[in-house]
Amino acid sequence: MCSTHHRATARIRLALAALAMALAFALPGPARAKEGGPFGLGVMLGDPTGVSFKYFLSPRNAVTGGLGYGWRGRWFHTHAEYLFHFPQRWGPGDWLPYVGIGGKLAVWDHHRHDHPGWYGDDDDIGLGIRIPGGVAWHPPRAPIDVFAEFAPAVWLFPGTGFDFDFSIGARFYF
């Protein structure tokens, strides 16, 4: 029974995370990333490695996230954050240093996960807070960005612990 309860709880949490990400993209007031639109889609390489997306709400604020595979923990990883940008002009293009806050969700096969002390045999989902910081570069007259990010995180469920994510990537805006 305990195993069934944990799986049902994990599915509910996953559904709530997906709903929160969908609602974030329904917010009004998009800004435009250069000549492209407000929505950027691309890749991120690092931990996690996968798909990255960003939606500008204004020139200084955006919602961002990613879906990928975490190599260090061997888990499927998704995250979403609200970002605050601090636009700068250093050479050609626009540089957007940023910080943000959001959450991360990880799902793993408990027989393959690298942190056996964090949970019992029935736990296969983790939830935490993520605080990304980084910089994105938007070249002149091109609907793309290139970014580098480091994100400390704190796991809240199934146990507590410190973690971090890091990635570089690029997105195309339309």
Protein backbone atom coordinates (compact mmCIF):
# COMPACT_ATOMS: atom_id res chain seq x y z
CA MET A 1 0.00 0.00 0.00
CA CYS A 2 2.79 2.42 0.88
CA SER A 3 4.37 1.96 -2.55
CA THR A 4 1.04 2.64 -4.28
CA HIS A 5 0.52 5.78 -2.19
CA HIS A 6 4.01 7.10 -3.08
CA ARG A 7 3.45 6.51 -6.80
CA ALA A 8 0.04 8.23 -6.72
CA THR A 9 1.55 11.19 -4.84
CA ALA A 10 4.41 11.36 -7.36
CA ARG A 11 1.96 11.44 -10.29
CA ILE A 12 -0.03 14.25 -8.66
CA ARG A 13 3.13 16.30 -8.12
CA LEU A 14 4.23 15.74 -11.70
CA ALA A 15 0.82 16.85 -13.00
CA LEU A 16 0.93 20.00 -10.81
CA ALA A 17 4.41 20.86 -12.10
CA ALA A 18 3.23 20.48 -15.72
CA LEU A 19 0.19 22.66 -15.00
CA ALA A 20 2.37 25.38 -13.45
CA MET A 21 4.64 25.43 -16.49
CA ALA A 22 1.64 25.64 -18.85
CA LEU A 23 0.17 28.55 -16.88
CA ALA A 24 3.48 30.39 -16.99
CA PHE A 25 3.30 30.46 -20.80
CA ALA A 26 -0.27 31.82 -20.71
CA LEU A 27 0.85 35.07 -19.04
CA PRO A 28 0.31 38.26 -21.11
CA GLY A 29 2.75 40.99 -22.07
CA PRO A 30 5.52 39.38 -24.14
CA ALA A 31 8.65 41.23 -25.14
CA ARG A 32 10.44 40.49 -28.38
CA ALA A 33 13.93 38.97 -28.53
CA LYS A 34 15.56 41.00 -31.31
CA GLU A 35 13.78 40.38 -34.64
CA GLY A 36 12.27 37.09 -33.46
CA GLY A 37 9.27 36.66 -31.22
CA PRO A 38 9.07 36.34 -27.44
CA PHE A 39 9.46 32.53 -27.34
CA GLY A 40 12.86 30.87 -27.61
CA LEU A 41 13.47 27.15 -28.04
CA GLY A 42 16.85 25.42 -28.17
CA VAL A 43 19.30 23.08 -26.51
CA MET A 44 21.30 23.06 -23.29
CA LEU A 45 24.45 21.02 -22.75
CA GLY A 46 25.74 20.17 -19.29
CA ASP A 47 23.82 18.77 -16.37
CA PRO A 48 21.03 18.56 -17.37
CA THR A 49 21.40 18.11 -21.13
CA GLY A 50 18.22 18.57 -23.14
CA VAL A 51 15.73 21.12 -24.43
CA SER A 52 15.68 24.72 -23.17
CA PHE A 53 12.89 27.26 -23.56
CA LYS A 54 12.39 30.91 -22.61
CA TYR A 55 9.44 33.29 -22.85
CA PHE A 56 10.04 37.04 -22.45
CA LEU A 57 7.32 38.78 -20.46
CA SER A 58 9.10 42.16 -20.73
CA PRO A 59 12.64 43.26 -21.65
CA ARG A 60 13.74 42.59 -18.04
CA ASN A 61 11.62 39.56 -17.08
CA ALA A 62 11.17 36.08 -18.49
CA VAL A 63 9.95 32.60 -17.66
CA THR A 64 12.39 29.86 -18.58
CA GLY A 65 12.74 26.14 -18.20
CA GLY A 66 14.15 22.94 -19.50
CA LEU A 67 13.62 19.23 -19.94
CA GLY A 68 16.58 16.92 -19.96
CA TYR A 69 18.70 14.17 -18.51
CA GLY A 70 20.88 14.76 -15.46
CA TRP A 71 24.16 12.88 -15.90
CA ARG A 72 25.43 13.19 -12.32
CA GLY A 73 22.25 11.83 -10.73
CA ARG A 74 21.04 9.74 -13.69
CA TRP A 75 17.54 11.20 -13.67
CA PHE A 76 15.01 12.81 -15.98
CA HIS A 77 14.99 16.48 -14.99
CA THR A 78 12.61 19.38 -15.57
CA HIS A 79 12.83 22.90 -14.20
CA ALA A 80 11.05 26.24 -14.53
CA GLU A 81 11.99 29.67 -13.19
CA TYR A 82 11.10 33.34 -13.21
CA LEU A 83 14.12 35.42 -14.31
CA PHE A 84 15.18 39.01 -13.65
CA HIS A 85 17.50 40.42 -16.37
CA PHE A 86 19.99 43.29 -16.06
CA PRO A 87 20.65 44.39 -19.69
CA GLN A 88 24.21 45.53 -20.51
CA ARG A 89 26.03 46.77 -23.62
CA TRP A 90 29.51 45.25 -23.92
CA GLY A 91 30.61 45.18 -27.53
CA PRO A 92 28.29 43.92 -30.25
CA GLY A 93 24.86 42.64 -29.29
CA ASP A 94 23.02 42.66 -25.99
CA TRP A 95 24.30 40.91 -22.87
CA LEU A 96 21.64 39.91 -20.37
CA PRO A 97 23.01 38.84 -16.99
CA TYR A 98 20.21 37.31 -14.93
CA VAL A 99 19.16 35.71 -11.66
CA GLY A 100 15.96 33.87 -10.90
CA ILE A 101 14.05 31.53 -8.69
CA GLY A 102 12.01 28.46 -9.47
CA GLY A 103 11.70 24.76 -8.99
CA LYS A 104 13.07 21.48 -10.26
CA LEU A 105 11.53 18.07 -10.52
CA ALA A 106 13.51 14.86 -11.04
CA VAL A 107 12.25 11.36 -11.77
CA TRP A 108 14.55 8.34 -11.58
CA ASP A 109 14.72 4.60 -11.41
CA HIS A 110 15.63 4.04 -7.76
CA HIS A 111 17.81 1.07 -8.68
CA ARG A 112 20.05 3.33 -10.81
CA HIS A 113 20.15 6.58 -8.83
CA ASP A 114 23.49 7.72 -7.37
CA HIS A 115 22.17 9.00 -4.02
CA PRO A 116 20.71 5.99 -2.15
CA GLY A 117 20.76 7.78 1.21
CA TRP A 118 18.19 10.37 0.11
CA TYR A 119 15.18 8.05 -0.07
CA GLY A 120 13.81 4.56 0.46
CA ASP A 121 13.21 1.93 -2.19
CA ASP A 122 9.77 3.31 -3.10
CA ASP A 123 10.84 6.90 -3.84
CA ASP A 124 11.34 7.73 -7.48
CA ILE A 125 10.68 11.49 -7.61
CA GLY A 126 12.45 14.53 -6.18
CA LEU A 127 11.33 18.14 -5.80
CA GLY A 128 13.53 21.15 -5.05
CA ILE A 129 14.12 24.90 -5.27
CA ARG A 130 16.47 26.19 -7.96
CA ILE A 131 18.20 29.63 -8.03
CA PRO A 132 19.78 30.12 -11.49
CA GLY A 133 22.26 32.81 -12.41
CA GLY A 134 23.91 33.34 -15.74
CA VAL A 135 24.30 35.45 -18.82
CA ALA A 136 22.65 35.34 -22.24
CA TRP A 137 24.08 37.05 -25.33
CA HIS A 138 21.78 38.24 -28.13
CA PRO A 139 23.85 39.03 -31.25
CA PRO A 140 22.86 42.07 -33.34
CA ARG A 141 19.91 41.53 -35.70
CA ALA A 142 19.65 37.78 -35.05
CA PRO A 143 16.71 35.99 -33.36
CA ILE A 144 18.96 33.79 -31.20
CA ASP A 145 20.68 33.80 -27.83
CA VAL A 146 23.65 31.93 -26.45
CA PHE A 147 23.74 31.38 -22.70
CA ALA A 148 25.74 29.99 -19.78
CA GLU A 149 24.08 29.19 -16.47
CA PHE A 150 24.90 27.90 -12.99
CA ALA A 151 22.02 27.04 -10.65
CA PRO A 152 22.43 26.06 -6.99
CA ALA A 153 19.49 24.04 -5.72
CA VAL A 154 18.08 22.61 -2.51
CA TRP A 155 16.19 19.31 -2.57
CA LEU A 156 13.05 19.36 -0.41
CA PHE A 157 11.54 15.96 -1.20
CA PRO A 158 12.03 13.04 -0.58
CA GLY A 159 14.90 14.30 1.57
CA THR A 160 16.89 17.49 1.86
CA GLY A 161 20.21 18.11 0.23
CA PHE A 162 22.26 20.59 -1.80
CA ASP A 163 22.67 20.22 -5.54
CA PHE A 164 23.62 22.34 -8.55
CA ASP A 165 22.96 22.40 -12.28
CA PHE A 166 25.14 23.94 -14.99
CA SER A 167 24.68 24.34 -18.71
CA ILE A 168 25.57 26.23 -21.85
CA GLY A 169 23.19 26.46 -24.75
CA ALA A 170 21.47 28.38 -27.52
CA ARG A 171 17.86 29.22 -28.39
CA PHE A 172 16.09 30.42 -31.55
CA TYR A 173 13.28 32.99 -31.02
CA PHE A 174 10.04 33.00 -32.97
